[in-house]
Protein backbone atom coordinates (compact mmCIF):
# COMPACT_ATOMS: atom_id res chain seq x y z
CA ASN A 1 9.22 -5.34 -10.82
CA TYR A 2 11.60 -2.12 -10.86
CA PHE A 3 14.70 -1.96 -8.54
CA LEU A 4 17.07 0.70 -8.29
CA ALA A 5 20.02 -1.45 -7.38
CA PRO A 6 21.09 -5.17 -6.00
CA GLY A 7 20.57 -5.29 -2.23
CA SER A 8 23.03 -5.64 0.66
CA GLN A 9 22.96 -9.58 0.08
CA SER A 10 22.26 -11.82 -2.62
CA GLY A 11 18.27 -12.06 -3.33
CA TRP A 12 17.59 -8.86 -2.50
CA TYR A 13 17.01 -5.16 -4.35
CA VAL A 14 16.93 -1.90 -3.18
CA ILE A 15 13.58 0.06 -4.11
CA ALA A 16 13.99 3.10 -2.38
CA ASP A 17 16.96 5.36 -1.60
CA LEU A 18 16.28 8.66 -0.20
CA LYS A 19 18.08 11.37 1.50
CA GLY A 20 17.09 13.60 4.12
CA PRO A 21 15.64 15.15 6.07
CA GLY A 22 12.31 13.53 5.33
CA VAL A 23 9.40 11.28 5.73
CA VAL A 24 7.76 8.63 3.94
CA ARG A 25 3.97 9.10 4.43
CA ARG A 26 2.64 6.03 2.85
CA PHE A 27 4.11 2.86 1.86
CA TRP A 28 1.87 0.36 -0.40
CA THR A 29 2.64 -2.94 -1.91
CA THR A 30 0.90 -5.84 -3.49
CA GLY A 31 1.73 -9.13 -5.67
CA MET A 32 3.34 -10.88 -3.17
CA ASP A 33 2.68 -13.46 -0.64
CA ARG A 34 2.80 -13.58 3.03
CA GLY A 35 6.24 -13.88 4.39
CA HIS A 36 8.26 -11.94 1.94
CA GLN A 37 10.78 -9.95 3.59
CA PHE A 38 11.35 -6.38 3.49
CA LYS A 39 14.31 -4.18 5.37
CA PHE A 40 14.34 -0.30 6.03
CA TYR A 41 17.92 1.26 6.86
CA PHE A 42 17.77 4.40 8.57
CA ASP A 43 20.89 7.48 8.39
CA GLY A 44 23.37 4.97 6.84
CA GLU A 45 22.81 1.84 9.21
CA ARG A 46 24.70 -1.27 8.50
CA LYS A 47 21.88 -3.16 10.33
CA PRO A 48 18.44 -2.29 9.20
CA ARG A 49 16.17 -0.99 12.05
CA LEU A 50 12.93 -2.25 10.70
CA SER A 51 12.86 -5.69 9.30
CA GLY A 52 10.63 -8.53 9.12
CA LYS A 53 7.74 -10.38 6.49
CA VAL A 54 5.38 -8.46 4.66
CA GLU A 55 2.42 -9.19 7.10
CA ASP A 56 4.38 -8.08 10.41
CA LEU A 57 5.23 -4.63 8.88
CA PHE A 58 1.80 -4.12 7.26
CA GLY A 59 -0.57 -4.76 10.32
CA GLU A 60 0.60 -7.39 12.69
CA GLN A 61 3.31 -5.84 14.39
CA PHE A 62 3.45 -2.67 16.93
CA PRO A 63 3.14 -0.11 15.48
CA PHE A 64 2.35 -0.80 12.15
CA VAL A 65 -1.55 -2.19 13.14
CA PRO A 66 -4.89 -1.41 11.91
CA PRO A 67 -6.11 0.83 10.83
CA LEU A 68 -3.11 2.97 9.99
CA ALA A 69 -1.26 -0.29 8.76
CA ARG A 70 -3.01 -3.29 7.38
CA TYR A 71 -3.84 -5.97 4.37
CA LEU A 72 -7.03 -4.90 2.20
CA ASN A 73 -8.16 -5.67 -0.81
CA TYR A 74 -4.78 -7.71 -1.86
CA CYS A 75 -2.93 -5.00 -0.61
CA TRP A 76 -0.62 -4.35 2.17
CA PHE A 77 -0.05 -0.59 3.07
CA SER A 78 0.98 1.63 6.31
CA TYR A 79 0.59 5.31 6.82
CA ILE A 80 2.72 5.22 9.60
CA PRO A 81 5.35 7.94 8.77
CA LEU A 82 8.56 7.11 8.99
CA THR A 83 11.18 10.01 9.61
CA TYR A 84 14.74 9.91 8.73
CA ALA A 85 17.24 12.66 9.48
CA GLN A 86 19.86 11.81 6.86
CA SER A 87 18.88 8.99 4.63
CA LEU A 88 16.32 5.94 4.31
CA ARG A 89 16.95 2.94 1.99
CA VAL A 90 14.45 0.42 1.35
CA GLU A 91 15.29 -3.33 0.28
CA MET A 92 12.69 -6.17 -0.61
CA GLN A 93 13.20 -9.61 -0.90
CA ALA A 94 13.33 -10.80 -4.64
CA PRO A 95 10.58 -12.25 -6.60
CA VAL A 96 9.44 -15.71 -5.63
CA ALA A 97 9.12 -18.27 -9.00
CA LYS A 98 5.98 -19.06 -9.55
CA PRO A 99 4.55 -21.60 -12.44
CA GLY A 100 4.40 -19.17 -15.32
CA GLY A 101 7.12 -16.86 -14.14
CA PRO A 102 7.99 -14.84 -10.88
CA SER A 103 5.63 -12.84 -8.73
CA ARG A 104 4.49 -9.58 -10.08
CA LEU A 105 5.36 -6.79 -7.21
CA TYR A 106 4.26 -3.46 -7.15
CA TYR A 107 4.91 -0.86 -4.79
CA GLN A 108 4.75 2.98 -4.12
CA LEU A 109 6.02 5.83 -1.85
CA ASN A 110 4.89 8.87 -1.10
CA TYR A 111 7.20 10.74 0.87
CA GLU A 112 8.31 14.40 1.71
CA THR A 113 12.01 16.11 1.70
CA TYR A 114 12.50 18.89 4.06
CA ALA A 115 14.88 21.55 3.95
CA GLU A 116 18.46 21.08 4.53
CA GLY A 117 19.17 21.49 8.40
CA THR A 118 15.66 21.06 9.32
CA ALA A 119 15.83 19.10 12.71
CA VAL A 120 13.81 15.62 12.23
CA GLN A 121 13.92 12.51 14.70
CA THR A 122 14.65 9.56 13.01
CA PHE A 123 11.85 6.89 13.39
CA PRO A 124 12.84 5.25 16.43
CA ARG A 125 13.63 1.72 17.48
CA GLU A 126 10.50 1.70 20.11
CA LEU A 127 7.97 4.40 20.80
CA ASP A 128 8.08 6.15 23.72
CA ALA A 129 4.94 6.92 25.68
CA THR A 130 4.03 10.20 24.12
CA GLN A 131 4.57 8.44 20.74
CA GLN A 132 2.22 5.56 21.40
CA ALA A 133 -0.35 8.07 22.78
CA ALA A 134 -0.31 10.15 19.57
CA LEU A 135 -0.55 6.96 17.38
CA GLU A 136 -3.37 5.65 19.32
CA GLN A 137 -5.10 9.03 18.79
CA ALA A 138 -4.66 9.20 15.26
CA ARG A 139 -5.95 5.45 15.23
CA ALA A 140 -9.03 6.44 17.00
CA ARG A 141 -9.67 9.34 14.75
CA TRP A 142 -9.23 6.94 11.69
CA GLU A 143 -11.68 4.70 13.06
CA GLN A 144 -14.40 7.25 13.73
CA ALA A 145 -13.93 8.46 10.30
CA MET A 146 -14.05 5.24 8.35
CA ARG A 147 -16.92 3.96 10.35
CA PRO A 148 -18.99 2.71 7.09
CA GLU A 149 -22.53 3.51 6.47
CA THR A 150 -24.77 1.21 4.70
CA PRO A 151 -25.49 2.56 1.36
CA PRO A 152 -28.75 2.54 -0.43
CA ALA A 153 -29.50 -0.57 -2.43
CA GLU A 154 -29.81 1.62 -5.64
CA LEU A 155 -25.96 2.25 -5.55
CA ALA A 156 -24.81 -1.39 -5.32
CA THR A 157 -24.60 -2.54 -8.86
CA SER A 158 -23.00 -5.67 -10.42
CA GLN A 159 -22.37 -6.32 -14.16
CA ARG A 160 -20.62 -9.17 -16.67
CA ILE A 161 -17.92 -7.64 -18.41
CA GLU A 162 -16.22 -10.07 -21.32
CA PRO A 163 -12.63 -10.02 -21.69
CA GLY A 164 -10.89 -6.97 -23.24
CA ALA A 165 -14.16 -4.96 -22.76
CA ARG A 166 -15.51 -1.68 -21.35
CA ALA A 167 -18.37 -0.77 -19.26
CA ARG A 168 -19.63 2.16 -17.21
CA LEU A 169 -20.03 1.14 -13.78
CA TRP A 170 -21.48 4.13 -12.25
CA GLN A 171 -22.24 7.73 -12.79
CA VAL A 172 -24.05 10.57 -10.90
CA GLU A 173 -24.80 14.30 -11.74
CA GLY A 174 -24.39 17.38 -9.91
CA GLU A 175 -22.00 18.33 -6.79
CA GLY A 176 -21.47 15.95 -4.26
CA VAL A 177 -18.57 14.06 -2.89
CA LEU A 178 -17.88 10.02 -2.85
CA ARG A 179 -17.19 8.93 0.45
CA THR A 180 -16.92 5.22 0.05
CA TRP A 181 -16.68 2.57 -2.81
CA TRP A 182 -15.73 -0.78 -3.41
CA LEU A 183 -14.72 -2.91 -6.50
CA ARG A 184 -15.01 -6.67 -6.21
CA VAL A 185 -14.10 -8.47 -9.21
CA GLU A 186 -15.07 -12.23 -9.69
CA PRO A 187 -14.27 -14.52 -12.70
CA ALA A 188 -17.05 -15.84 -14.64
CA GLU A 189 -16.72 -19.37 -12.99
CA PRO A 190 -15.74 -18.56 -9.38
CA ALA A 191 -15.23 -22.34 -8.12
CA ALA A 192 -12.62 -23.03 -10.50
CA TRP A 193 -10.26 -20.28 -9.57
CA THR A 194 -7.38 -20.28 -7.10
CA THR A 195 -7.08 -17.12 -4.62
CA ALA A 196 -3.57 -16.20 -6.66
CA ALA A 197 -5.78 -16.31 -9.94
CA ARG A 198 -8.64 -14.10 -8.20
CA GLU A 199 -5.59 -11.30 -7.31
CA ALA A 200 -4.27 -11.80 -10.96
CA LEU A 201 -7.28 -10.81 -12.24
CA LEU A 202 -8.15 -7.86 -9.95
CA GLN A 203 -4.25 -6.74 -11.04
CA ASP A 204 -5.18 -6.74 -14.73
CA ALA A 205 -8.43 -4.67 -14.73
CA LEU A 206 -8.32 -1.24 -15.73
CA LEU A 207 -10.25 1.24 -13.89
CA GLU A 208 -10.84 5.05 -15.03
CA VAL A 209 -12.29 7.95 -13.37
CA LYS A 210 -13.90 10.68 -14.94
CA TYR A 211 -15.04 14.26 -13.61
CA ASP A 212 -17.47 16.82 -15.08
CA GLY A 213 -17.89 15.56 -18.26
CA LEU A 214 -14.09 15.26 -19.27
CA ASP A 215 -13.23 12.97 -21.98
CA THR A 216 -9.64 12.23 -20.40
CA ALA A 217 -9.50 9.99 -17.14
CA SER A 218 -8.52 11.80 -14.00
């Protein structure tokens, strides 16, 4: 729950305060329930140009629709480019108190800042026909590239890992590329666990990937 400053009203916090021209290429977040609120202020606007519930902004409200924006594996993400000519401030509703403490909110923004004077069109309130066509083309290419193939049975593994223990999930030798992989975490007694408990278990799991025999995880 790292916040830059208090937001524009009580109960809100600033999670990004970017100076432009620039673009946010990826937005990822997890740890909150449906209904959690976000606001995006472009170029010093007093009224947010984008605002709404996390599920609207990441999967249910055009243009933030699958596969470029969606909810998957307990996370919300968007690859819709958010361009800004002068600035972009993003605010998030404060964590919701729950039994055991407030929600643990996590977020990442991948952004690029352009050279001063670069002409950038700020993210529009409504996409025109040309922008909608470009978005549909990107969605179509993404869907084509991500059509899953059924993996060979020998690559599907499962094992029990005790609390605090480490285990090697998979290893391969030689040159190649890992195009798709999935990780599913299940408690020892699945029937006794709630959805929130399962999400917390996945958030507490530490995954390390090591290439070419290196001792340090990449």
